[in-house]
Amino acid sequence: MVIIILSWMGTPYYAVQGAPAVEIVQELMPEEGAGLVREIGYDGLPIGVYDTREHPVTEDAEFNEVLHEFEAAIKHFGETDASFNEPYGILTVSQEQPGLKRINWELFWLSPDGIEENFQRFFFIHENALYWEQYQTKDFGYLREGQPAAGE
């Protein structure tokens, strides 16, 4: 029983929270699970550099939601965490090689002592990755050979 309780106490459900920068990236692109970025997939990630100080907007509504959530999370932690001052983020989507995009998250802020801090994390998305199918949240069975496309 003690092991179960102590294990549970180490989860986010027991008010364990990481550093703001880690929490922001983890929410949008978790280490485990699909997350908002993987949900929109390879084709929904336009190449470019997006700085939250400039309130970026693209032609893709789903990617705009990612940018909005990124900016909102940074603002939230900037208002609620005394060690996360004047924060901003830069999201870079680049084509690393054919069929492979790199998503680079960078966050910058001032510590309580006025020292500039930063956090950087990157992930890769392949054009043939089926994150929805992996996490069993969307049926991609139609992609298998010999099956009609969804809705046919």
C-alpha atoms as a PDB file:
ATOM      1  CA  MET A   1       0.000   0.000   0.000  1.00  0.00           C
ATOM      2  CA  VAL A   2       2.857   2.368   0.846  1.00  0.00           C
ATOM      3  CA  ILE A   3       4.472   1.784  -2.554  1.00  0.00           C
ATOM      4  CA  ILE A   4       1.212   2.620  -4.320  1.00  0.00           C
ATOM      5  CA  ILE A   5       0.735   5.820  -2.313  1.00  0.00           C
ATOM      6  CA  LEU A   6       4.327   6.960  -2.820  1.00  0.00           C
ATOM      7  CA  SER A   7       4.131   6.175  -6.526  1.00  0.00           C
ATOM      8  CA  TRP A   8       0.958   8.211  -6.854  1.00  0.00           C
ATOM      9  CA  MET A   9       2.532  11.099  -4.939  1.00  0.00           C
ATOM     10  CA  GLY A  10       5.214  11.337  -7.631  1.00  0.00           C
ATOM     11  CA  THR A  11       2.711  11.959 -10.425  1.00  0.00           C
ATOM     12  CA  PRO A  12       1.291  15.258 -11.702  1.00  0.00           C
ATOM     13  CA  TYR A  13      -2.032  14.254 -10.142  1.00  0.00           C
ATOM     14  CA  TYR A  14      -0.501  14.882  -6.718  1.00  0.00           C
ATOM     15  CA  ALA A  15       0.495  18.494  -7.428  1.00  0.00           C
ATOM     16  CA  VAL A  16       4.027  17.649  -8.506  1.00  0.00           C
ATOM     17  CA  GLN A  17       4.971  20.245 -11.060  1.00  0.00           C
ATOM     18  CA  GLY A  18       8.124  20.719 -13.060  1.00  0.00           C
ATOM     19  CA  ALA A  19       9.816  23.942 -14.061  1.00  0.00           C
ATOM     20  CA  PRO A  20       7.534  26.237 -16.101  1.00  0.00           C
ATOM     21  CA  ALA A  21       9.486  25.794 -19.350  1.00  0.00           C
ATOM     22  CA  VAL A  22       9.378  22.003 -19.059  1.00  0.00           C
ATOM     23  CA  GLU A  23       5.657  22.033 -18.242  1.00  0.00           C
ATOM     24  CA  ILE A  24       4.865  24.239 -21.257  1.00  0.00           C
ATOM     25  CA  VAL A  25       6.608  21.977 -23.768  1.00  0.00           C
ATOM     26  CA  GLN A  26       5.348  18.813 -22.068  1.00  0.00           C
ATOM     27  CA  GLU A  27       1.764  20.024 -22.399  1.00  0.00           C
ATOM     28  CA  LEU A  28       2.035  20.670 -26.141  1.00  0.00           C
ATOM     29  CA  MET A  29       4.315  17.791 -27.094  1.00  0.00           C
ATOM     30  CA  PRO A  30       4.505  15.217 -24.306  1.00  0.00           C
ATOM     31  CA  GLU A  31       7.226  12.616 -24.074  1.00  0.00           C
ATOM     32  CA  GLU A  32       4.501   9.971 -23.874  1.00  0.00           C
ATOM     33  CA  GLY A  33       1.255  10.289 -25.795  1.00  0.00           C
ATOM     34  CA  ALA A  34       0.362  12.236 -28.887  1.00  0.00           C
ATOM     35  CA  GLY A  35      -0.150  15.816 -27.707  1.00  0.00           C
ATOM     36  CA  LEU A  36      -1.447  18.743 -29.719  1.00  0.00           C
ATOM     37  CA  VAL A  37       1.531  18.967 -32.100  1.00  0.00           C
ATOM     38  CA  ARG A  38       1.571  15.283 -33.021  1.00  0.00           C
ATOM     39  CA  GLU A  39      -2.203  15.359 -33.444  1.00  0.00           C
ATOM     40  CA  ILE A  40      -1.964  17.849 -36.316  1.00  0.00           C
ATOM     41  CA  GLY A  41       0.738  15.745 -37.944  1.00  0.00           C
ATOM     42  CA  TYR A  42       3.542  16.345 -40.377  1.00  0.00           C
ATOM     43  CA  ASP A  43       1.482  18.221 -42.982  1.00  0.00           C
ATOM     44  CA  GLY A  44       0.054  20.595 -40.372  1.00  0.00           C
ATOM     45  CA  LEU A  45       3.486  21.929 -39.365  1.00  0.00           C
ATOM     46  CA  PRO A  46       4.467  24.843 -41.626  1.00  0.00           C
ATOM     47  CA  ILE A  47       8.189  25.535 -41.907  1.00  0.00           C
ATOM     48  CA  GLY A  48       9.147  28.743 -40.136  1.00  0.00           C
ATOM     49  CA  VAL A  49      10.191  30.543 -36.970  1.00  0.00           C
ATOM     50  CA  TYR A  50       7.391  31.670 -34.642  1.00  0.00           C
ATOM     51  CA  ASP A  51       8.157  34.129 -31.827  1.00  0.00           C
ATOM     52  CA  THR A  52       5.470  34.548 -29.152  1.00  0.00           C
ATOM     53  CA  ARG A  53       6.392  38.234 -28.729  1.00  0.00           C
ATOM     54  CA  GLU A  54       5.097  38.810 -32.262  1.00  0.00           C
ATOM     55  CA  HIS A  55       1.786  36.933 -31.752  1.00  0.00           C
ATOM     56  CA  PRO A  56       2.288  34.830 -34.899  1.00  0.00           C
ATOM     57  CA  VAL A  57      -0.636  33.712 -37.052  1.00  0.00           C
ATOM     58  CA  THR A  58      -0.498  31.296 -39.983  1.00  0.00           C
ATOM     59  CA  GLU A  59      -2.978  30.150 -42.605  1.00  0.00           C
ATOM     60  CA  ASP A  60      -3.440  26.815 -40.807  1.00  0.00           C
ATOM     61  CA  ALA A  61      -6.095  26.935 -38.050  1.00  0.00           C
ATOM     62  CA  GLU A  62      -4.778  23.860 -36.205  1.00  0.00           C
ATOM     63  CA  PHE A  63      -1.220  25.189 -36.129  1.00  0.00           C
ATOM     64  CA  ASN A  64      -2.567  28.557 -34.959  1.00  0.00           C
ATOM     65  CA  GLU A  65      -4.075  26.691 -32.003  1.00  0.00           C
ATOM     66  CA  VAL A  66      -0.607  25.326 -31.154  1.00  0.00           C
ATOM     67  CA  LEU A  67       0.859  28.837 -31.314  1.00  0.00           C
ATOM     68  CA  HIS A  68      -1.995  30.216 -29.206  1.00  0.00           C
ATOM     69  CA  GLU A  69      -1.574  27.508 -26.553  1.00  0.00           C
ATOM     70  CA  PHE A  70       2.204  28.061 -26.513  1.00  0.00           C
ATOM     71  CA  GLU A  71       1.751  31.795 -25.993  1.00  0.00           C
ATOM     72  CA  ALA A  72      -1.043  31.348 -23.402  1.00  0.00           C
ATOM     73  CA  ALA A  73       0.975  28.845 -21.348  1.00  0.00           C
ATOM     74  CA  ILE A  74       3.994  31.154 -21.310  1.00  0.00           C
ATOM     75  CA  LYS A  75       1.808  34.065 -20.219  1.00  0.00           C
ATOM     76  CA  HIS A  76       0.150  31.957 -17.500  1.00  0.00           C
ATOM     77  CA  PHE A  77       3.440  30.854 -15.940  1.00  0.00           C
ATOM     78  CA  GLY A  78       4.840  34.375 -16.311  1.00  0.00           C
ATOM     79  CA  GLU A  79       1.962  35.645 -14.172  1.00  0.00           C
ATOM     80  CA  THR A  80       1.923  32.833 -11.609  1.00  0.00           C
ATOM     81  CA  ASP A  81       5.568  31.820 -11.106  1.00  0.00           C
ATOM     82  CA  ALA A  82       7.898  34.369  -9.473  1.00  0.00           C
ATOM     83  CA  SER A  83      10.966  32.681 -10.988  1.00  0.00           C
ATOM     84  CA  PHE A  84       9.665  32.988 -14.576  1.00  0.00           C
ATOM     85  CA  ASN A  85       9.907  36.700 -15.417  1.00  0.00           C
ATOM     86  CA  GLU A  86       9.408  38.369 -18.810  1.00  0.00           C
ATOM     87  CA  PRO A  87       9.119  35.005 -20.581  1.00  0.00           C
ATOM     88  CA  TYR A  88       8.814  34.439 -24.302  1.00  0.00           C
ATOM     89  CA  GLY A  89       9.139  31.484 -26.605  1.00  0.00           C
ATOM     90  CA  ILE A  90      10.364  30.697 -30.072  1.00  0.00           C
ATOM     91  CA  LEU A  91       9.054  27.697 -31.981  1.00  0.00           C
ATOM     92  CA  THR A  92      11.059  26.688 -35.044  1.00  0.00           C
ATOM     93  CA  VAL A  93       9.826  24.114 -37.546  1.00  0.00           C
ATOM     94  CA  SER A  94      12.493  23.084 -40.053  1.00  0.00           C
ATOM     95  CA  GLN A  95      12.852  20.468 -42.763  1.00  0.00           C
ATOM     96  CA  GLU A  96      15.772  18.313 -41.598  1.00  0.00           C
ATOM     97  CA  GLN A  97      15.642  15.899 -44.543  1.00  0.00           C
ATOM     98  CA  PRO A  98      12.983  14.687 -46.964  1.00  0.00           C
ATOM     99  CA  GLY A  99       9.979  13.522 -44.971  1.00  0.00           C
ATOM    100  CA  LEU A 100      11.372  14.638 -41.605  1.00  0.00           C
ATOM    101  CA  LYS A 101      10.638  17.889 -39.758  1.00  0.00           C
ATOM    102  CA  ARG A 102      12.342  19.134 -36.624  1.00  0.00           C
ATOM    103  CA  ILE A 103      10.303  20.989 -34.014  1.00  0.00           C
ATOM    104  CA  ASN A 104      12.542  23.120 -31.805  1.00  0.00           C
ATOM    105  CA  TRP A 105      11.083  24.708 -28.668  1.00  0.00           C
ATOM    106  CA  GLU A 106      13.037  27.545 -27.053  1.00  0.00           C
ATOM    107  CA  LEU A 107      11.925  29.454 -23.978  1.00  0.00           C
ATOM    108  CA  PHE A 108      13.649  32.467 -22.477  1.00  0.00           C
ATOM    109  CA  TRP A 109      13.009  34.263 -19.176  1.00  0.00           C
ATOM    110  CA  LEU A 110      14.670  36.260 -16.426  1.00  0.00           C
ATOM    111  CA  SER A 111      15.402  34.663 -13.062  1.00  0.00           C
ATOM    112  CA  PRO A 112      14.477  36.532  -9.858  1.00  0.00           C
ATOM    113  CA  ASP A 113      18.089  37.816  -9.889  1.00  0.00           C
ATOM    114  CA  GLY A 114      17.646  39.259 -13.395  1.00  0.00           C
ATOM    115  CA  ILE A 115      19.795  36.607 -15.084  1.00  0.00           C
ATOM    116  CA  GLU A 116      18.601  35.459 -18.510  1.00  0.00           C
ATOM    117  CA  GLU A 117      17.706  31.771 -18.457  1.00  0.00           C
ATOM    118  CA  ASN A 118      16.678  29.509 -21.317  1.00  0.00           C
ATOM    119  CA  PHE A 119      15.337  26.065 -22.084  1.00  0.00           C
ATOM    120  CA  GLN A 120      15.525  24.219 -25.383  1.00  0.00           C
ATOM    121  CA  ARG A 121      13.938  20.958 -26.480  1.00  0.00           C
ATOM    122  CA  PHE A 122      13.549  19.450 -29.922  1.00  0.00           C
ATOM    123  CA  PHE A 123      11.538  16.642 -31.455  1.00  0.00           C
ATOM    124  CA  PHE A 124      11.243  15.099 -34.901  1.00  0.00           C
ATOM    125  CA  ILE A 125       8.071  14.305 -36.842  1.00  0.00           C
ATOM    126  CA  HIS A 126       8.176  11.912 -39.792  1.00  0.00           C
ATOM    127  CA  GLU A 127       5.647  12.205 -42.588  1.00  0.00           C
ATOM    128  CA  ASN A 128       4.681   8.520 -42.278  1.00  0.00           C
ATOM    129  CA  ALA A 129       4.337   8.492 -38.494  1.00  0.00           C
ATOM    130  CA  LEU A 130       0.880   7.466 -37.292  1.00  0.00           C
ATOM    131  CA  TYR A 131       0.758   8.874 -33.791  1.00  0.00           C
ATOM    132  CA  TRP A 132      -3.032   8.683 -33.628  1.00  0.00           C
ATOM    133  CA  GLU A 133      -2.973   4.986 -34.447  1.00  0.00           C
ATOM    134  CA  GLN A 134      -0.156   4.343 -31.994  1.00  0.00           C
ATOM    135  CA  TYR A 135      -2.183   5.815 -29.153  1.00  0.00           C
ATOM    136  CA  GLN A 136      -5.441   4.279 -30.474  1.00  0.00           C
ATOM    137  CA  THR A 137      -7.310   7.549 -30.620  1.00  0.00           C
ATOM    138  CA  LYS A 138      -8.087   7.644 -34.336  1.00  0.00           C
ATOM    139  CA  ASP A 139      -8.596   4.856 -36.866  1.00  0.00           C
ATOM    140  CA  PHE A 140      -6.010   4.874 -39.642  1.00  0.00           C
ATOM    141  CA  GLY A 141      -7.010   1.404 -40.839  1.00  0.00           C
ATOM    142  CA  TYR A 142      -7.858   2.845 -44.257  1.00  0.00           C
ATOM    143  CA  LEU A 143      -4.138   3.404 -44.861  1.00  0.00           C
ATOM    144  CA  ARG A 144      -3.513  -0.327 -44.937  1.00  0.00           C
ATOM    145  CA  GLU A 145      -3.297  -1.774 -48.420  1.00  0.00           C
ATOM    146  CA  GLY A 146      -6.577  -2.940 -49.918  1.00  0.00           C
ATOM    147  CA  GLN A 147      -8.874  -0.902 -47.697  1.00  0.00           C
ATOM    148  CA  PRO A 148     -10.919   2.091 -48.901  1.00  0.00           C
ATOM    149  CA  ALA A 149     -10.271   5.576 -47.573  1.00  0.00           C
ATOM    150  CA  ALA A 150     -12.419   6.780 -44.676  1.00  0.00           C
ATOM    151  CA  GLY A 151     -15.897   7.795 -45.783  1.00  0.00           C
ATOM    152  CA  GLU A 152     -15.874   5.693 -48.968  1.00  0.00           C
END
